[in-house]
N, C-alpha and C. Protein backbone atom coordinates (compact mmCIF):
# COMPACT_ATOMS: atom_id res chain seq x y z
N MET A 1 36.54 -31.91 -4.76
CA MET A 1 36.13 -32.29 -3.43
C MET A 1 36.02 -31.05 -2.53
N LYS A 2 37.02 -30.17 -2.58
CA LYS A 2 37.01 -28.97 -1.76
C LYS A 2 35.84 -28.06 -2.15
N ASN A 3 35.57 -28.00 -3.46
CA ASN A 3 34.49 -27.16 -3.95
C ASN A 3 33.13 -27.63 -3.42
N SER A 4 32.86 -28.91 -3.44
CA SER A 4 31.57 -29.41 -2.96
C SER A 4 31.45 -29.27 -1.44
N LEU A 5 32.56 -29.43 -0.71
CA LEU A 5 32.54 -29.21 0.73
C LEU A 5 32.26 -27.74 1.03
N PHE A 6 32.90 -26.86 0.29
CA PHE A 6 32.69 -25.42 0.45
C PHE A 6 31.22 -25.06 0.17
N GLN A 7 30.65 -25.61 -0.89
CA GLN A 7 29.25 -25.34 -1.23
C GLN A 7 28.32 -25.85 -0.13
N PHE A 8 28.64 -27.03 0.41
CA PHE A 8 27.82 -27.58 1.48
C PHE A 8 27.84 -26.65 2.70
N ILE A 9 29.02 -26.16 3.04
CA ILE A 9 29.15 -25.26 4.19
C ILE A 9 28.38 -23.97 3.96
N ILE A 10 28.49 -23.40 2.77
CA ILE A 10 27.77 -22.16 2.44
C ILE A 10 26.26 -22.38 2.54
N VAL A 11 25.78 -23.46 1.97
CA VAL A 11 24.34 -23.76 2.01
C VAL A 11 23.89 -23.97 3.46
N SER A 12 24.67 -24.68 4.24
CA SER A 12 24.31 -24.94 5.64
C SER A 12 24.25 -23.65 6.45
N VAL A 13 25.25 -22.81 6.30
CA VAL A 13 25.28 -21.55 7.04
C VAL A 13 24.15 -20.64 6.60
N THR A 14 23.92 -20.55 5.31
CA THR A 14 22.84 -19.72 4.78
C THR A 14 21.49 -20.20 5.29
N THR A 15 21.27 -21.48 5.27
CA THR A 15 20.02 -22.05 5.75
C THR A 15 19.82 -21.73 7.22
N PHE A 16 20.87 -21.86 8.00
CA PHE A 16 20.79 -21.60 9.44
C PHE A 16 20.38 -20.15 9.71
N PHE A 17 20.93 -19.20 8.98
CA PHE A 17 20.66 -17.79 9.25
C PHE A 17 19.38 -17.27 8.62
N PHE A 18 18.93 -17.85 7.53
CA PHE A 18 17.80 -17.26 6.82
C PHE A 18 16.49 -18.02 6.95
N ILE A 19 16.50 -19.17 7.54
CA ILE A 19 15.25 -19.88 7.76
C ILE A 19 14.61 -19.29 9.00
N PRO A 20 13.33 -18.92 8.93
CA PRO A 20 12.68 -18.31 10.09
C PRO A 20 12.59 -19.31 11.25
N MET A 21 12.33 -18.76 12.42
CA MET A 21 12.23 -19.58 13.61
C MET A 21 11.12 -20.61 13.43
N GLU A 22 11.44 -21.84 13.69
CA GLU A 22 10.45 -22.91 13.59
C GLU A 22 9.66 -22.99 14.89
N ALA A 23 8.52 -23.63 14.82
CA ALA A 23 7.67 -23.77 15.99
C ALA A 23 8.40 -24.51 17.11
N ASN A 24 9.26 -25.44 16.75
CA ASN A 24 10.00 -26.20 17.75
C ASN A 24 10.96 -25.31 18.53
N ASP A 25 11.35 -24.16 17.98
CA ASP A 25 12.27 -23.25 18.63
C ASP A 25 11.56 -22.37 19.66
N LEU A 26 10.27 -22.37 19.65
CA LEU A 26 9.52 -21.54 20.58
C LEU A 26 9.48 -22.21 21.96
N ASP A 27 9.38 -21.38 22.97
CA ASP A 27 9.24 -21.86 24.33
C ASP A 27 7.83 -22.45 24.47
N TYR A 28 7.76 -23.75 24.66
CA TYR A 28 6.47 -24.43 24.69
C TYR A 28 5.57 -23.89 25.81
N GLN A 29 6.14 -23.59 26.96
CA GLN A 29 5.35 -23.08 28.08
C GLN A 29 4.74 -21.72 27.73
N LYS A 30 5.52 -20.85 27.10
CA LYS A 30 5.00 -19.54 26.69
C LYS A 30 3.89 -19.72 25.65
N TYR A 31 4.12 -20.63 24.71
CA TYR A 31 3.12 -20.92 23.67
C TYR A 31 1.80 -21.34 24.31
N GLN A 32 1.88 -22.28 25.23
CA GLN A 32 0.67 -22.78 25.89
C GLN A 32 -0.01 -21.69 26.71
N THR A 33 0.78 -20.87 27.39
CA THR A 33 0.21 -19.79 28.20
C THR A 33 -0.54 -18.79 27.33
N ILE A 34 0.07 -18.37 26.22
CA ILE A 34 -0.58 -17.42 25.31
C ILE A 34 -1.83 -18.04 24.70
N LYS A 35 -1.72 -19.27 24.29
CA LYS A 35 -2.87 -19.95 23.70
C LYS A 35 -4.01 -20.05 24.71
N GLU A 36 -3.68 -20.34 25.95
CA GLU A 36 -4.70 -20.42 27.00
C GLU A 36 -5.34 -19.06 27.25
N MET A 37 -4.53 -18.01 27.24
CA MET A 37 -5.05 -16.65 27.47
C MET A 37 -6.12 -16.26 26.45
N ILE A 38 -5.88 -16.61 25.22
CA ILE A 38 -6.81 -16.18 24.17
C ILE A 38 -7.89 -17.21 23.87
N SER A 39 -7.87 -18.32 24.60
CA SER A 39 -8.81 -19.40 24.28
C SER A 39 -10.09 -19.40 25.11
N ASN A 40 -10.21 -18.52 26.07
CA ASN A 40 -11.41 -18.51 26.89
C ASN A 40 -12.56 -17.89 26.11
N PRO A 41 -13.53 -18.70 25.67
CA PRO A 41 -14.62 -18.18 24.84
C PRO A 41 -15.62 -17.34 25.63
N HIS A 42 -15.57 -17.39 26.94
CA HIS A 42 -16.54 -16.65 27.75
C HIS A 42 -16.09 -15.23 28.08
N HIS A 43 -14.82 -14.93 27.87
CA HIS A 43 -14.31 -13.60 28.19
C HIS A 43 -13.80 -12.93 26.92
N GLN A 44 -14.63 -12.06 26.40
CA GLN A 44 -14.27 -11.29 25.21
C GLN A 44 -13.76 -9.94 25.69
N GLU A 45 -12.46 -9.79 25.70
CA GLU A 45 -11.87 -8.61 26.29
C GLU A 45 -11.32 -7.66 25.24
N GLU A 46 -11.06 -6.44 25.69
CA GLU A 46 -10.46 -5.44 24.82
C GLU A 46 -9.10 -5.94 24.36
N VAL A 47 -8.73 -5.53 23.17
CA VAL A 47 -7.47 -5.96 22.58
C VAL A 47 -6.29 -5.54 23.45
N GLU A 48 -6.39 -4.41 24.10
CA GLU A 48 -5.30 -3.94 24.95
C GLU A 48 -5.08 -4.87 26.14
N ILE A 49 -6.15 -5.45 26.64
CA ILE A 49 -6.04 -6.38 27.77
C ILE A 49 -5.30 -7.63 27.33
N TYR A 50 -5.67 -8.16 26.15
CA TYR A 50 -4.93 -9.32 25.62
C TYR A 50 -3.46 -8.95 25.42
N GLN A 51 -3.23 -7.79 24.85
CA GLN A 51 -1.86 -7.36 24.57
C GLN A 51 -1.05 -7.26 25.87
N GLU A 52 -1.64 -6.66 26.89
CA GLU A 52 -0.94 -6.51 28.17
C GLU A 52 -0.64 -7.86 28.80
N ARG A 53 -1.60 -8.75 28.77
CA ARG A 53 -1.39 -10.09 29.35
C ARG A 53 -0.30 -10.85 28.59
N ILE A 54 -0.34 -10.75 27.30
CA ILE A 54 0.67 -11.44 26.48
C ILE A 54 2.05 -10.84 26.73
N ARG A 55 2.10 -9.53 26.89
CA ARG A 55 3.38 -8.85 27.14
C ARG A 55 4.02 -9.34 28.44
N LYS A 56 3.20 -9.75 29.41
CA LYS A 56 3.75 -10.29 30.66
C LYS A 56 4.41 -11.65 30.45
N VAL A 57 4.02 -12.33 29.38
CA VAL A 57 4.59 -13.65 29.08
C VAL A 57 5.85 -13.51 28.23
N THR A 58 5.80 -12.62 27.23
CA THR A 58 6.94 -12.46 26.33
C THR A 58 6.91 -11.07 25.69
N ASP A 59 8.09 -10.57 25.41
CA ASP A 59 8.21 -9.30 24.70
C ASP A 59 8.11 -9.49 23.19
N ALA A 60 8.18 -10.73 22.75
CA ALA A 60 8.13 -11.05 21.32
C ALA A 60 7.01 -12.07 21.07
N PRO A 61 5.75 -11.61 21.07
CA PRO A 61 4.64 -12.54 20.93
C PRO A 61 4.35 -13.00 19.49
N LEU A 62 4.88 -12.29 18.51
CA LEU A 62 4.52 -12.58 17.12
C LEU A 62 4.73 -14.04 16.72
N PRO A 63 5.87 -14.66 16.98
CA PRO A 63 6.03 -16.06 16.58
C PRO A 63 5.00 -16.99 17.24
N TYR A 64 4.61 -16.67 18.46
CA TYR A 64 3.64 -17.50 19.16
C TYR A 64 2.24 -17.34 18.56
N LEU A 65 1.88 -16.10 18.25
CA LEU A 65 0.57 -15.86 17.63
C LEU A 65 0.50 -16.53 16.25
N ILE A 66 1.58 -16.42 15.49
CA ILE A 66 1.61 -17.05 14.17
C ILE A 66 1.49 -18.56 14.30
N LYS A 67 2.17 -19.13 15.28
CA LYS A 67 2.09 -20.57 15.51
C LYS A 67 0.66 -20.97 15.83
N ILE A 68 -0.03 -20.16 16.62
CA ILE A 68 -1.43 -20.46 16.96
C ILE A 68 -2.30 -20.36 15.71
N VAL A 69 -2.08 -19.33 14.90
CA VAL A 69 -2.84 -19.16 13.66
C VAL A 69 -2.67 -20.38 12.76
N GLN A 70 -1.47 -20.89 12.67
CA GLN A 70 -1.15 -21.99 11.76
C GLN A 70 -1.44 -23.37 12.35
N SER A 71 -1.77 -23.42 13.61
CA SER A 71 -1.99 -24.69 14.30
C SER A 71 -3.36 -25.26 13.97
N LYS A 72 -3.37 -26.25 13.12
CA LYS A 72 -4.63 -26.86 12.69
C LYS A 72 -5.31 -27.65 13.81
N ASP A 73 -4.58 -27.92 14.90
CA ASP A 73 -5.18 -28.65 16.01
C ASP A 73 -5.85 -27.75 17.03
N SER A 74 -5.80 -26.45 16.82
CA SER A 74 -6.48 -25.50 17.70
C SER A 74 -7.89 -25.23 17.18
N PHE A 75 -8.77 -24.88 18.09
CA PHE A 75 -10.13 -24.54 17.69
C PHE A 75 -10.12 -23.29 16.81
N VAL A 76 -11.10 -23.19 15.94
CA VAL A 76 -11.19 -22.07 15.02
C VAL A 76 -11.27 -20.74 15.77
N PHE A 77 -12.03 -20.67 16.85
CA PHE A 77 -12.17 -19.39 17.54
C PHE A 77 -10.84 -18.94 18.17
N ILE A 78 -10.00 -19.87 18.57
CA ILE A 78 -8.69 -19.52 19.13
C ILE A 78 -7.80 -18.98 18.01
N ARG A 79 -7.80 -19.66 16.90
CA ARG A 79 -7.01 -19.21 15.75
C ARG A 79 -7.53 -17.87 15.24
N ALA A 80 -8.84 -17.67 15.29
CA ALA A 80 -9.44 -16.40 14.85
C ALA A 80 -8.97 -15.26 15.74
N ARG A 81 -8.96 -15.47 17.04
CA ARG A 81 -8.50 -14.42 17.94
C ARG A 81 -7.03 -14.11 17.71
N ALA A 82 -6.22 -15.13 17.43
CA ALA A 82 -4.80 -14.90 17.13
C ALA A 82 -4.65 -14.08 15.85
N ILE A 83 -5.49 -14.37 14.85
CA ILE A 83 -5.46 -13.59 13.61
C ILE A 83 -5.79 -12.12 13.92
N GLN A 84 -6.80 -11.89 14.72
CA GLN A 84 -7.17 -10.52 15.07
C GLN A 84 -6.03 -9.82 15.81
N LEU A 85 -5.34 -10.52 16.68
CA LEU A 85 -4.26 -9.93 17.46
C LEU A 85 -3.04 -9.60 16.61
N LEU A 86 -2.92 -10.26 15.45
CA LEU A 86 -1.79 -9.96 14.56
C LEU A 86 -1.81 -8.49 14.12
N GLU A 87 -2.98 -7.88 14.14
CA GLU A 87 -3.06 -6.47 13.75
C GLU A 87 -2.21 -5.59 14.68
N LEU A 88 -2.04 -6.01 15.91
CA LEU A 88 -1.22 -5.26 16.87
C LEU A 88 0.28 -5.37 16.58
N TYR A 89 0.64 -6.37 15.83
CA TYR A 89 2.06 -6.66 15.58
C TYR A 89 2.33 -6.68 14.08
N GLN A 90 2.02 -5.56 13.44
CA GLN A 90 2.16 -5.45 11.99
C GLN A 90 3.64 -5.47 11.60
N SER A 91 3.94 -6.39 10.72
CA SER A 91 5.30 -6.53 10.21
C SER A 91 5.23 -7.37 8.94
N PRO A 92 6.32 -7.44 8.20
CA PRO A 92 6.33 -8.33 7.03
C PRO A 92 6.04 -9.79 7.43
N THR A 93 6.50 -10.19 8.60
CA THR A 93 6.28 -11.56 9.06
C THR A 93 4.80 -11.83 9.33
N SER A 94 4.13 -10.93 10.02
CA SER A 94 2.71 -11.13 10.30
C SER A 94 1.89 -11.00 9.01
N GLY A 95 2.30 -10.08 8.14
CA GLY A 95 1.62 -9.94 6.85
C GLY A 95 1.74 -11.21 6.03
N SER A 96 2.91 -11.79 6.03
CA SER A 96 3.14 -13.05 5.30
C SER A 96 2.29 -14.19 5.88
N ALA A 97 2.18 -14.24 7.20
CA ALA A 97 1.36 -15.28 7.83
C ALA A 97 -0.11 -15.13 7.43
N LEU A 98 -0.57 -13.89 7.37
CA LEU A 98 -1.96 -13.66 6.95
C LEU A 98 -2.14 -14.03 5.47
N GLU A 99 -1.17 -13.67 4.64
CA GLU A 99 -1.24 -14.02 3.22
C GLU A 99 -1.32 -15.54 3.05
N LYS A 100 -0.54 -16.28 3.80
CA LYS A 100 -0.58 -17.74 3.71
C LYS A 100 -1.94 -18.28 4.11
N THR A 101 -2.53 -17.69 5.13
CA THR A 101 -3.86 -18.12 5.56
C THR A 101 -4.89 -17.82 4.48
N ILE A 102 -4.81 -16.66 3.89
CA ILE A 102 -5.74 -16.27 2.83
C ILE A 102 -5.59 -17.18 1.62
N GLU A 103 -4.37 -17.48 1.24
CA GLU A 103 -4.10 -18.30 0.05
C GLU A 103 -4.46 -19.77 0.22
N ASP A 104 -4.49 -20.26 1.43
CA ASP A 104 -4.71 -21.69 1.70
C ASP A 104 -6.17 -22.06 1.43
N THR A 105 -6.40 -22.68 0.31
CA THR A 105 -7.77 -23.04 -0.08
C THR A 105 -8.35 -24.16 0.80
N HIS A 106 -7.50 -24.84 1.55
CA HIS A 106 -7.98 -25.90 2.46
C HIS A 106 -8.26 -25.36 3.86
N GLU A 107 -8.01 -24.08 4.03
CA GLU A 107 -8.21 -23.44 5.33
C GLU A 107 -9.69 -23.13 5.53
N ASN A 108 -10.10 -23.03 6.77
CA ASN A 108 -11.46 -22.66 7.14
C ASN A 108 -11.80 -21.32 6.49
N THR A 109 -12.94 -21.23 5.83
CA THR A 109 -13.35 -20.01 5.13
C THR A 109 -13.47 -18.83 6.08
N HIS A 110 -14.01 -19.06 7.26
CA HIS A 110 -14.13 -17.97 8.25
C HIS A 110 -12.75 -17.39 8.57
N LEU A 111 -11.76 -18.25 8.75
CA LEU A 111 -10.41 -17.77 9.07
C LEU A 111 -9.80 -17.02 7.90
N ARG A 112 -10.05 -17.49 6.70
CA ARG A 112 -9.53 -16.80 5.51
C ARG A 112 -10.14 -15.40 5.40
N LYS A 113 -11.44 -15.29 5.64
CA LYS A 113 -12.11 -13.99 5.58
C LYS A 113 -11.60 -13.06 6.69
N LEU A 114 -11.42 -13.60 7.86
CA LEU A 114 -10.91 -12.81 8.97
C LEU A 114 -9.47 -12.36 8.69
N ALA A 115 -8.69 -13.22 8.06
CA ALA A 115 -7.32 -12.84 7.69
C ALA A 115 -7.35 -11.69 6.69
N ILE A 116 -8.31 -11.69 5.78
CA ILE A 116 -8.45 -10.58 4.83
C ILE A 116 -8.79 -9.30 5.58
N ARG A 117 -9.72 -9.38 6.51
CA ARG A 117 -10.10 -8.19 7.29
C ARG A 117 -8.89 -7.63 8.04
N THR A 118 -8.15 -8.50 8.67
CA THR A 118 -6.98 -8.07 9.44
C THR A 118 -5.90 -7.53 8.53
N TYR A 119 -5.63 -8.25 7.46
CA TYR A 119 -4.59 -7.85 6.50
C TYR A 119 -4.92 -6.51 5.86
N SER A 120 -6.19 -6.28 5.59
CA SER A 120 -6.58 -5.02 4.95
C SER A 120 -6.40 -3.82 5.88
N LYS A 121 -6.30 -4.06 7.17
CA LYS A 121 -6.09 -2.99 8.14
C LYS A 121 -4.61 -2.67 8.35
N PHE A 122 -3.75 -3.49 7.80
CA PHE A 122 -2.31 -3.26 7.99
C PHE A 122 -1.91 -1.96 7.32
N SER A 123 -1.36 -1.06 8.08
CA SER A 123 -0.92 0.22 7.53
C SER A 123 0.59 0.29 7.41
N LYS A 124 1.27 -0.69 7.97
CA LYS A 124 2.73 -0.67 7.98
C LYS A 124 3.34 -1.54 6.89
N ILE A 125 2.57 -1.84 5.86
CA ILE A 125 3.12 -2.61 4.74
C ILE A 125 2.89 -1.82 3.45
N ASP A 126 3.58 -2.20 2.43
CA ASP A 126 3.48 -1.54 1.13
C ASP A 126 2.05 -1.69 0.59
N THR A 127 1.36 -0.57 0.44
CA THR A 127 -0.04 -0.62 0.02
C THR A 127 -0.20 -1.13 -1.42
N ASN A 128 0.77 -0.88 -2.28
CA ASN A 128 0.69 -1.41 -3.64
C ASN A 128 0.78 -2.93 -3.62
N ARG A 129 1.70 -3.45 -2.84
CA ARG A 129 1.84 -4.91 -2.72
C ARG A 129 0.57 -5.51 -2.12
N GLN A 130 0.04 -4.84 -1.11
CA GLN A 130 -1.18 -5.30 -0.45
C GLN A 130 -2.34 -5.33 -1.46
N SER A 131 -2.48 -4.28 -2.26
CA SER A 131 -3.56 -4.22 -3.25
C SER A 131 -3.42 -5.30 -4.31
N LYS A 132 -2.20 -5.51 -4.78
CA LYS A 132 -1.97 -6.56 -5.78
C LYS A 132 -2.30 -7.93 -5.21
N PHE A 133 -1.90 -8.16 -3.98
CA PHE A 133 -2.20 -9.45 -3.35
C PHE A 133 -3.71 -9.65 -3.24
N MET A 134 -4.41 -8.65 -2.75
CA MET A 134 -5.86 -8.77 -2.54
C MET A 134 -6.61 -8.92 -3.86
N LYS A 135 -6.12 -8.26 -4.90
CA LYS A 135 -6.78 -8.29 -6.21
C LYS A 135 -6.93 -9.72 -6.74
N GLN A 136 -5.98 -10.60 -6.40
CA GLN A 136 -6.06 -11.98 -6.89
C GLN A 136 -7.29 -12.72 -6.39
N PHE A 137 -7.90 -12.22 -5.32
CA PHE A 137 -9.02 -12.92 -4.71
C PHE A 137 -10.37 -12.26 -5.00
N GLU A 138 -10.37 -11.23 -5.83
CA GLU A 138 -11.62 -10.53 -6.15
C GLU A 138 -12.66 -11.45 -6.80
N SER A 139 -12.22 -12.38 -7.60
CA SER A 139 -13.16 -13.26 -8.29
C SER A 139 -13.35 -14.60 -7.57
N ASP A 140 -12.73 -14.78 -6.43
CA ASP A 140 -12.88 -16.00 -5.65
C ASP A 140 -14.32 -16.06 -5.13
N LYS A 141 -14.98 -17.20 -5.29
CA LYS A 141 -16.39 -17.29 -4.92
C LYS A 141 -16.62 -17.15 -3.41
N GLU A 142 -15.65 -17.54 -2.60
CA GLU A 142 -15.81 -17.43 -1.15
C GLU A 142 -15.30 -16.10 -0.60
N LEU A 143 -14.24 -15.57 -1.21
CA LEU A 143 -13.58 -14.39 -0.66
C LEU A 143 -13.83 -13.11 -1.43
N GLY A 144 -14.31 -13.22 -2.64
CA GLY A 144 -14.43 -12.06 -3.53
C GLY A 144 -15.20 -10.90 -2.96
N LEU A 145 -16.34 -11.16 -2.37
CA LEU A 145 -17.18 -10.09 -1.85
C LEU A 145 -16.48 -9.34 -0.72
N ILE A 146 -15.86 -10.07 0.19
CA ILE A 146 -15.18 -9.39 1.31
C ILE A 146 -13.97 -8.61 0.82
N VAL A 147 -13.27 -9.12 -0.19
CA VAL A 147 -12.12 -8.40 -0.75
C VAL A 147 -12.59 -7.09 -1.36
N LYS A 148 -13.65 -7.14 -2.15
CA LYS A 148 -14.17 -5.93 -2.78
C LYS A 148 -14.64 -4.92 -1.73
N ASN A 149 -15.33 -5.40 -0.71
CA ASN A 149 -15.80 -4.51 0.35
C ASN A 149 -14.64 -3.87 1.11
N LYS A 150 -13.60 -4.64 1.37
CA LYS A 150 -12.44 -4.11 2.10
C LYS A 150 -11.70 -3.09 1.26
N GLN A 151 -11.59 -3.34 -0.03
CA GLN A 151 -10.92 -2.38 -0.90
C GLN A 151 -11.70 -1.07 -0.96
N LYS A 152 -13.02 -1.18 -1.04
CA LYS A 152 -13.87 0.01 -1.07
C LYS A 152 -13.76 0.75 0.25
N PHE A 153 -13.78 0.03 1.36
CA PHE A 153 -13.66 0.64 2.68
C PHE A 153 -12.31 1.34 2.83
N ASN A 154 -11.25 0.70 2.40
CA ASN A 154 -9.91 1.28 2.53
C ASN A 154 -9.74 2.53 1.69
N ARG A 155 -10.38 2.56 0.54
CA ARG A 155 -10.31 3.77 -0.29
C ARG A 155 -11.05 4.93 0.36
N ASN A 156 -12.11 4.62 1.10
CA ASN A 156 -12.93 5.66 1.71
C ASN A 156 -12.48 6.07 3.10
N SER A 157 -11.64 5.27 3.74
CA SER A 157 -11.24 5.62 5.11
C SER A 157 -9.92 6.38 5.11
N LYS A 158 -9.81 7.29 6.05
CA LYS A 158 -8.58 8.08 6.16
C LYS A 158 -7.54 7.34 6.98
N HIS A 159 -7.98 6.59 7.97
CA HIS A 159 -7.04 5.90 8.84
C HIS A 159 -7.27 4.41 8.74
N ASN A 160 -6.17 3.69 8.80
CA ASN A 160 -6.22 2.23 8.68
C ASN A 160 -5.77 1.64 10.01
N GLN A 161 -6.54 1.93 11.07
CA GLN A 161 -6.14 1.50 12.40
C GLN A 161 -7.19 0.59 13.00
N LEU A 162 -6.78 -0.07 14.08
CA LEU A 162 -7.64 -1.00 14.78
C LEU A 162 -8.85 -0.28 15.38
N ASP A 163 -10.01 -0.77 15.09
CA ASP A 163 -11.25 -0.24 15.65
C ASP A 163 -11.65 -1.19 16.78
N LYS A 164 -11.56 -0.73 18.01
CA LYS A 164 -11.84 -1.58 19.18
C LYS A 164 -13.25 -2.15 19.13
N HIS A 165 -14.20 -1.34 18.71
CA HIS A 165 -15.59 -1.78 18.66
C HIS A 165 -15.75 -2.95 17.68
N LYS A 166 -15.13 -2.83 16.51
CA LYS A 166 -15.21 -3.91 15.52
C LYS A 166 -14.52 -5.16 16.02
N PHE A 167 -13.39 -5.00 16.73
CA PHE A 167 -12.69 -6.15 17.29
C PHE A 167 -13.60 -6.90 18.25
N ASN A 168 -14.31 -6.16 19.10
CA ASN A 168 -15.22 -6.79 20.05
C ASN A 168 -16.39 -7.44 19.33
N GLN A 169 -16.91 -6.81 18.29
CA GLN A 169 -18.01 -7.41 17.53
C GLN A 169 -17.57 -8.72 16.92
N LEU A 170 -16.37 -8.78 16.37
CA LEU A 170 -15.86 -10.02 15.77
C LEU A 170 -15.73 -11.11 16.80
N ASN A 171 -15.35 -10.74 18.01
CA ASN A 171 -15.22 -11.72 19.09
C ASN A 171 -16.58 -12.27 19.52
N HIS A 172 -17.62 -11.47 19.38
CA HIS A 172 -18.95 -11.90 19.80
C HIS A 172 -19.69 -12.67 18.71
N ASN A 173 -19.20 -12.65 17.49
CA ASN A 173 -19.86 -13.38 16.39
C ASN A 173 -19.50 -14.83 16.39
């Protein structure tokens, strides 16, 4: 009896500390404000402007952007802009969110391709892991061409940083 109670306590404590923040744990008002900021289709602004506006709402925007990316009830263009903004907040968490978007075969193809573009620009993650992950999609009929092009581009480029002009072009497409 003591052993099973002890195991239950260990599992409960471990789950509490190692499960990532759920969407319900986010400040709903901050979530809505950030979502509203990036949802205006008529104002395609520089990434720094979005970043500055979001910074006024929270110092930790990553969970909110990920929630927007994963929110199937949001318009595709809002989720696309959140995917693009993840490039500003490169971390294992944002990389994982992009990987999930890329892997989700039920996800919008445009969002999956955009997630590949953003993920391929990540310079703060293990490049071997990134290459292995991307390699799985080389023969995918929807994603293969963009994966191959991104790999070729990454091999030829010296810097793997955000290109403001490309960000604006993606917003206008």
